[in-house]
Amino acid sequence: MKRQIKSKQLHEAFLKGNLGTDDNYHVWTPLWALRAKIWREKGLRKAARKQLGTLALEAIEEGDAAFFRMLGDALDGMMAFEREPRNALLADVYFAVEDLNENRDSFNRAELLSWLNDDMEAVVTREELGQALETLGLADAIPMGK
């Protein structure tokens, strides 16, 4: 399936939104994506804890203390980051875009807004969505829709 937004552009959006850094991108993106899935499907909380526990156990079994510390730092960073509502909105928008980009050939802002407000149970206005997409540098990549 051809994606609407290229991986490089999503990576740049991640950095523009200050969602993380190049150093923690490979750790943060799966954690934020997992967070978005948990938010969308409340029943995933137990599965999410299990996945995080599995990641931690793998790091311990492999003796990879650096990865284990990075995982802990990423989780601490996510919690601190989300205390600011604007940051939580950027994270929600980014990972909604990422999810739709992976699962659909194309999508527009109306579909993105619906996904955020209905599936994720977020409360995002059209104006907030537009501002978040501008901040992330994705405004031109996602058409308005109906």
Protein backbone atom coordinates (compact mmCIF):
# COMPACT_ATOMS: atom_id res chain seq x y z
CA MET A 1 0.00 0.00 0.00
CA LYS A 2 1.33 3.42 -0.94
CA ARG A 3 1.36 5.76 2.01
CA GLN A 4 0.05 9.30 1.84
CA ILE A 5 2.90 10.65 3.97
CA LYS A 6 6.46 9.35 3.59
CA SER A 7 8.38 8.01 6.60
CA LYS A 8 10.93 10.81 6.36
CA GLN A 9 8.19 13.44 6.55
CA LEU A 10 6.66 11.73 9.61
CA HIS A 11 10.08 11.64 11.25
CA GLU A 12 10.52 15.36 10.59
CA ALA A 13 7.04 16.03 12.02
CA PHE A 14 8.00 14.08 15.15
CA LEU A 15 11.01 16.36 15.59
CA LYS A 16 9.13 19.60 14.72
CA GLY A 17 6.48 18.77 17.31
CA ASN A 18 9.21 18.24 19.93
CA LEU A 19 7.76 14.80 20.59
CA GLY A 20 11.27 13.48 21.02
CA THR A 21 14.73 13.51 19.48
CA ASP A 22 16.65 11.55 16.86
CA ASP A 23 18.23 9.59 19.72
CA ASN A 24 14.93 8.39 21.17
CA TYR A 25 12.77 8.31 18.01
CA HIS A 26 13.04 4.52 17.70
CA VAL A 27 11.91 4.11 21.32
CA TRP A 28 9.39 6.91 21.57
CA THR A 29 7.40 6.23 18.41
CA PRO A 30 6.34 2.70 19.43
CA LEU A 31 5.57 3.91 22.96
CA TRP A 32 3.48 6.85 21.73
CA ALA A 33 1.74 4.60 19.21
CA LEU A 34 0.98 2.13 21.99
CA ARG A 35 -0.35 5.01 24.09
CA ALA A 36 -2.65 6.04 21.23
CA LYS A 37 -3.96 2.49 20.88
CA ILE A 38 -4.60 2.25 24.61
CA TRP A 39 -6.45 5.56 24.51
CA ARG A 40 -8.54 4.32 21.59
CA GLU A 41 -9.28 0.88 23.00
CA LYS A 42 -9.58 0.90 26.76
CA GLY A 43 -9.34 -2.92 26.85
CA LEU A 44 -5.73 -2.74 25.70
CA ARG A 45 -4.42 -1.49 29.03
CA LYS A 46 -3.54 -4.99 30.22
CA ALA A 47 -1.94 -5.85 26.86
CA ALA A 48 0.02 -2.60 26.93
CA ARG A 49 1.43 -3.33 30.37
CA LYS A 50 2.38 -6.79 29.13
CA GLN A 51 4.12 -5.37 26.03
CA LEU A 52 6.05 -2.84 28.09
CA GLY A 53 6.98 -5.58 30.51
CA THR A 54 8.15 -7.76 27.62
CA LEU A 55 10.33 -4.93 26.29
CA ALA A 56 11.84 -4.43 29.72
CA LEU A 57 12.44 -8.18 30.20
CA GLU A 58 14.13 -8.45 26.79
CA ALA A 59 16.41 -5.54 27.70
CA ILE A 60 17.28 -7.25 31.00
CA GLU A 61 17.80 -10.70 29.44
CA GLU A 62 20.04 -9.27 26.75
CA GLY A 63 21.97 -7.35 29.38
CA ASP A 64 21.20 -4.13 27.54
CA ALA A 65 21.22 -1.68 30.41
CA ALA A 66 21.42 1.29 28.05
CA PHE A 67 18.19 0.28 26.30
CA PHE A 68 16.48 -0.37 29.65
CA ARG A 69 17.50 3.11 30.85
CA MET A 70 16.33 4.61 27.53
CA LEU A 71 12.96 2.90 27.92
CA GLY A 72 12.60 4.25 31.46
CA ASP A 73 13.68 7.73 30.37
CA ALA A 74 11.21 7.63 27.48
CA LEU A 75 8.33 6.68 29.80
CA ASP A 76 9.31 9.41 32.28
CA GLY A 77 9.59 11.88 29.42
CA MET A 78 6.19 10.94 28.04
CA MET A 79 4.53 11.49 31.41
CA ALA A 80 6.20 14.86 31.88
CA PHE A 81 5.46 15.86 28.28
CA GLU A 82 1.75 15.08 28.59
CA ARG A 83 1.25 17.25 31.65
CA GLU A 84 1.04 20.14 29.17
CA PRO A 85 -2.30 19.81 27.28
CA ARG A 86 -0.86 21.31 24.07
CA ASN A 87 1.79 18.58 24.04
CA ALA A 88 -0.77 15.83 24.56
CA LEU A 89 -2.76 17.23 21.62
CA LEU A 90 0.33 17.22 19.37
CA ALA A 91 1.08 13.62 20.35
CA ASP A 92 -2.52 12.56 19.70
CA VAL A 93 -2.56 14.25 16.29
CA TYR A 94 0.84 12.87 15.30
CA PHE A 95 -0.03 9.29 16.12
CA ALA A 96 -3.52 9.56 14.63
CA VAL A 97 -1.82 10.66 11.40
CA GLU A 98 0.70 7.84 11.70
CA ASP A 99 -2.02 5.24 12.29
CA LEU A 100 -4.22 6.43 9.42
CA ASN A 101 -1.16 6.68 7.18
CA GLU A 102 -0.31 3.03 7.87
CA ASN A 103 -3.83 1.68 7.49
CA ARG A 104 -5.36 3.69 4.63
CA ASP A 105 -4.31 4.66 1.13
CA SER A 106 -5.42 8.24 1.77
CA PHE A 107 -7.29 10.30 4.32
CA ASN A 108 -8.33 13.90 4.89
CA ARG A 109 -8.69 16.23 7.86
CA ALA A 110 -12.35 15.38 8.38
CA GLU A 111 -11.46 11.69 8.70
CA LEU A 112 -8.54 12.54 10.98
CA LEU A 113 -10.77 14.68 13.18
CA SER A 114 -13.36 11.91 13.34
CA TRP A 115 -10.69 9.35 14.25
CA LEU A 116 -9.39 11.59 17.03
CA ASN A 117 -12.76 12.51 18.51
CA ASP A 118 -14.65 9.26 18.00
CA ASP A 119 -12.07 6.47 18.11
CA MET A 120 -9.62 8.06 20.54
CA GLU A 121 -12.31 9.91 22.50
CA ALA A 122 -10.20 13.05 22.36
CA VAL A 123 -11.79 16.48 22.21
CA VAL A 124 -10.15 18.25 19.29
CA THR A 125 -11.64 21.17 17.37
CA ARG A 126 -10.96 21.83 13.70
CA GLU A 127 -8.90 24.86 14.69
CA GLU A 128 -6.78 22.86 17.14
CA LEU A 129 -6.25 20.18 14.52
CA GLY A 130 -5.17 22.80 11.98
CA GLN A 131 -2.74 24.39 14.46
CA ALA A 132 -1.28 21.00 15.42
CA LEU A 133 -0.79 20.05 11.75
CA GLU A 134 0.94 23.40 11.15
CA THR A 135 3.23 22.85 14.13
CA LEU A 136 4.06 19.34 12.89
CA GLY A 137 4.62 20.57 9.34
CA LEU A 138 1.92 18.25 8.01
CA ALA A 139 -0.74 20.81 7.03
CA ASP A 140 0.00 20.53 3.30
CA ALA A 141 0.08 16.72 3.40
CA ILE A 142 -3.50 16.29 4.60
CA PRO A 143 -6.33 17.77 2.51
CA MET A 144 -9.34 19.42 4.15
CA GLY A 145 -12.10 17.00 3.19
CA LYS A 146 -15.79 17.62 3.78
